[in-house]
Structure formats: structure tokens, C-alpha cells
């Protein structure tokens, strides 16, 4: 039986169509579009109704066989919410199904999707269908205001069987999507490496410092990755250099040759990501009086087979315009300080181990000429390595959590992308940011250490905001030196102890609680490579993630409102009255200080 809201939506769409188009849902009803594959053979269009809380999809695939589409918690078949349809010899067929693994998805008891049209023309099958944003069906995946992993598959005939390589996954934010424009053919900076030989090691970081020749202030509005070897390139970061940098260079990163002075990140790409466009009212300044002419590109190569002789020409294109926008964009790096020798260990055999990184924006005034303005956050990148399973970015004001600045309850290393919040979230002076990452190391037998390698771990959130200020990094790390002192040990002795611990369930639980309660130190730096360090930071309690409501009744609120969103604005949560302990003195230093912080004891 068709759902009443879906029928009303279809009737409203039909009644407004030009003559001769009654059999289709037109593009103006489906304003968003993405190619789900790299070749443009699989296209998804969609739109949603503010009135009926329904979402409509149109999947078009260059095939005359069956087509399938799904929403997946992990990007695979397990637990996926799937529809399969096609045009056969006896007419159209269409069913709502659910994934249980590498088997034909069984048909749902409750058919939550409504077929609107299914056509086969000129070798292409187009399937248009709708569902409630919240279906209340146990076999369906809720659609929220967070990114969701979309899967597709198709066959060459109408016999529904194994799809072979005709499948794929893409992560999108369906309810908070931002349209992408077609970039011009010129006016872009090419930050790429040329014919780099990737050494036969598992982890290699390659850096290149380049000089731009843009005269006068312009705005970067689009960042586009150029990936030659997707199996080798793990991530690409672009940094702005300080005014002290005056020459180009290229070679291994973190080798002590000074390129690490370029440490103010302006954009990042990681596995699973794609091009990113800034809002129409904002751009990233380049070529202006305060802007550096030198930039560093950092490419992390992951070469698990230690293959020799591989060459690469990857990098980033930054599109820019002389038509300045209203706001300058900044990028703030938050989370757990990347300290390879900092002694931070994630135990093996852990199912849900949390790490935390903290930022107190009241410290910004220590490096700014005046008070910091309100920062309007519009997009985020969330990043861990292979063991990461969840990332949450809590927003605190007056000691209590008021929102999430970022949230991914089903994080996947293979699908990392900038995603738009869809609504601007304002960080006021004095607000606090807490990044929480959850890891699973059940299949590991030794501790996982914080560090640069893919098998090491990170916990980072990159916040895109406006107006830009001179602060570039605000992150923290548990004071492992203090912990070692309480045990009358050196930091190295503590590291040795953690390496040889018998990690029972009880030992994991105890270490997890310890890492939550041990004081942290916060490191803050600006675009000129000045730094401050604040000691005695205590991690606040983060609220439980609100789940999307399930309501079978017709609702008339916006699909980005709190009834379907994971971003609630009012909480009824009790917090412990925890705050700073022992706020220490702060220091300022220039280039090289951060590396000292990373590689020595604090």
C-alpha cells in the first residue's frame, strides 16, 4: 500500500509539470545530483519535502538489467537498507529489501519505499522512488543530518544475482548537501608533485614547498584533489607558510630541513574524499597583504606491500577568483595533538576505547592582538586511521555542552570527506571544543600508539569557519610525563610498561578511565608559528548522542530540524562540575617549537 505522504508529494509534482511530462519527476523536484561512480555511469538525483518529511530519489544507471540502491551503516551490505528494481519482460519490478551479508537481500516485511516511476530507454534504466525520512521500520536505515554511506549495484540482465565489480559506495550528506558548480578551465593553482618515487616502506611523507605568483588579494573557492595512485595516496594536506619562508624545496617531510615551519593548514583531502567548494559568501584569502606566497603540500603515501619503483604525480588544484566574497575563511585544527613520542597508547583487544582532544577558545587572546570574534563553522573534516569507529566534536559554553560541531557514529577510514553542516554553528569567545574518537582494536595484539603511520592513530577535527583569524591549531594531549612521575618512572619506562602490559578486559577499562581523567596540556599556535602551552586541562563529560526520532504521523517541520537531526540545540543532561586544574603559564616561541613539543617530554 502506498504511503499517503508519498502520494500527495507525487500528485503535487505531477500537477505542476508541463504537458507531456506526466510520467517523470522533473529536475526541479530533484535539485541535488551526484555521480556515485567515477565514470559517470551511475547517477543519483534527490530532493526532499519540507511539508511531508519525505525524500525522493532517482537512480539512473547505464544498463538494461536490474539496478539497486541502498543506505549502509558501514558502506557494505551488512545492515544496509536496499531497494532493487528494473524493467523486465513482464513489466516493472521493485522491492524494499535489507542486507544480511554477501547474499541476495531478503524482502522487507514492511515496504517503506514507494515506486514513482521506472523506465528503460536508450540503454539506461531510471528508477524514481520515495520514502519517509524516518520510516520506523527496523530493516530501514534512518536518514539524518549527518553524512550517510550510499551503496549501489547493478546487473546486465534482469536476473538478480551477484553484481561482480558493478558496485560502489559513496558518502553524502543527503539533508545538508551543498551544490557544486562547474569550475572554469583556468585560474587555479596546481599544487602537485612531479614524478616522485615512493620508497619501499609502509609509511612515507613527501613534502614540497612552492611559491605562488598571485598579485593582489583573491579568494580560493574550490579545492580539487588530483590523485594518480589511489592505492598509494592516503591523504594530502596543504599548509600556508609563515613570512620567514623564502625558498622552495622538496623531499621527505619531518627531516629537520625547515619545511615543518609551514604548519597552518588550509585544506586537506583523505581517502574517500572529493572536490570541496566553499559557500558562495566566503573564500580563502590568497595573494593579499597578510598572505604568504609560499605553501607546502604534504602527501602521505601508504605502501603496505613495500612496493619499489612506484612513481606518483598527485596533488591539489585550488581554484581562485578576483571577485572577492563577503568573508575570509579560516581552518582550525582541533583534537588530539599528534605526538609520535608522547607515550599515548590504545590497548589491544579493545572494543570501544576513547581518546580526547581539547581546545579552549578563551586562550586565543594570548596570540591575537585583540579579542577573538564569533567564529561561524560551516564544514568539518573528521579524521582517524584504521582503528577509528566514531568521532564526535562537542561544543561547550559555560561548562555545559550546547551542540555537536561534527558527528560520525559510523566512521570509516575508507570514506573521509569534508561535509557541510548545513547550518552555521557559532563558536563564541570562551567556548570549548572537545573531540572524542572511539577505536576498536579487537584484532590487534599490541598497543596502538599515536603517530603519523596508518597503523598508528590520530583523532582530529578540522573546522572550516569565517571570519578567518590568525589561530591555526588548538589541540591537546594527556600529560603522560605527569603520569610517569606519579609512578616514579621516566616517560620511556612508562612506554615500556604499556608495551608489555597484559591487556585484560579489566586492564583496558582501567586505562580507559585513566586517560579520561589525567590532566592534559593544550597547545595553541598561530599562522606566524607563535605558540602557547596551557597545563592542567581536564576533559569534560560529553553527552550521549541523540538518536533520530521515529514518528509515523505526518510532521510539518523542516527536515533539518531537531526532530530528525543529530544536532539538537536543547539538552537535559547533568554534567560533572569539572573545570581546569592548575592552569599553568604559557610560553611563546617560533618555528621548531612545535616539533620540540611533539618529540620531547613536556
Foldseek 3Di string as FASTA:
>chain_A
DDDPLVVVVLVVQQVPDDPPCNQDRDCVQFVDKDQQDPVSQWIKTKHADLAFQKIKIKIKGQAQEKKKKWWDLAQDQCLIWMKIWHQAPVGIDIATFGGHPQDDTDGAPDGFKAWRHWDADPRMIMTMIMGHQFRVGSSHDHQFQAKIKMKMATDRHHPDDDRPPRMGIAIARVQQDDDDDDADPDQKDFFKDDFDWDFLDQKFKKKKKDFADDAAKWFFFKKFKFWDDLLWWFKKWKFFAAPVDDDIDIDTPPPPPQPVNRPFTDDMDGAAAGMDGDDPQEGAIDNHPRGGRMMMMMTMTGNPRSDGGDTTIIDMMTHIDRPHHNAHKGKEKEWAQQFQLQLDWQFAQDAWFKAKKKFWLLCVCVVAPDRDAKKWFWKKWWDKAQFWAWKWKFKADPQHTQWTPHTRNGDHSNHTYIHTSSGIDIHGHGMMIMMMTIGHRSVDDWIADRHDGRSHITTMMMTMTDRDDFWRYKIKHFQLQVVQVVVVHGSVVSSVCRGPDPDDVVNNVVVSVVSQAGKMKMWIAGSQAKIKIWTQFHHWDDDDFDAAARDPDGDNRGSNAPNRHSIHRDDDDDIDPDGGDPTDGIGIDGPPVSVCVSHDHD
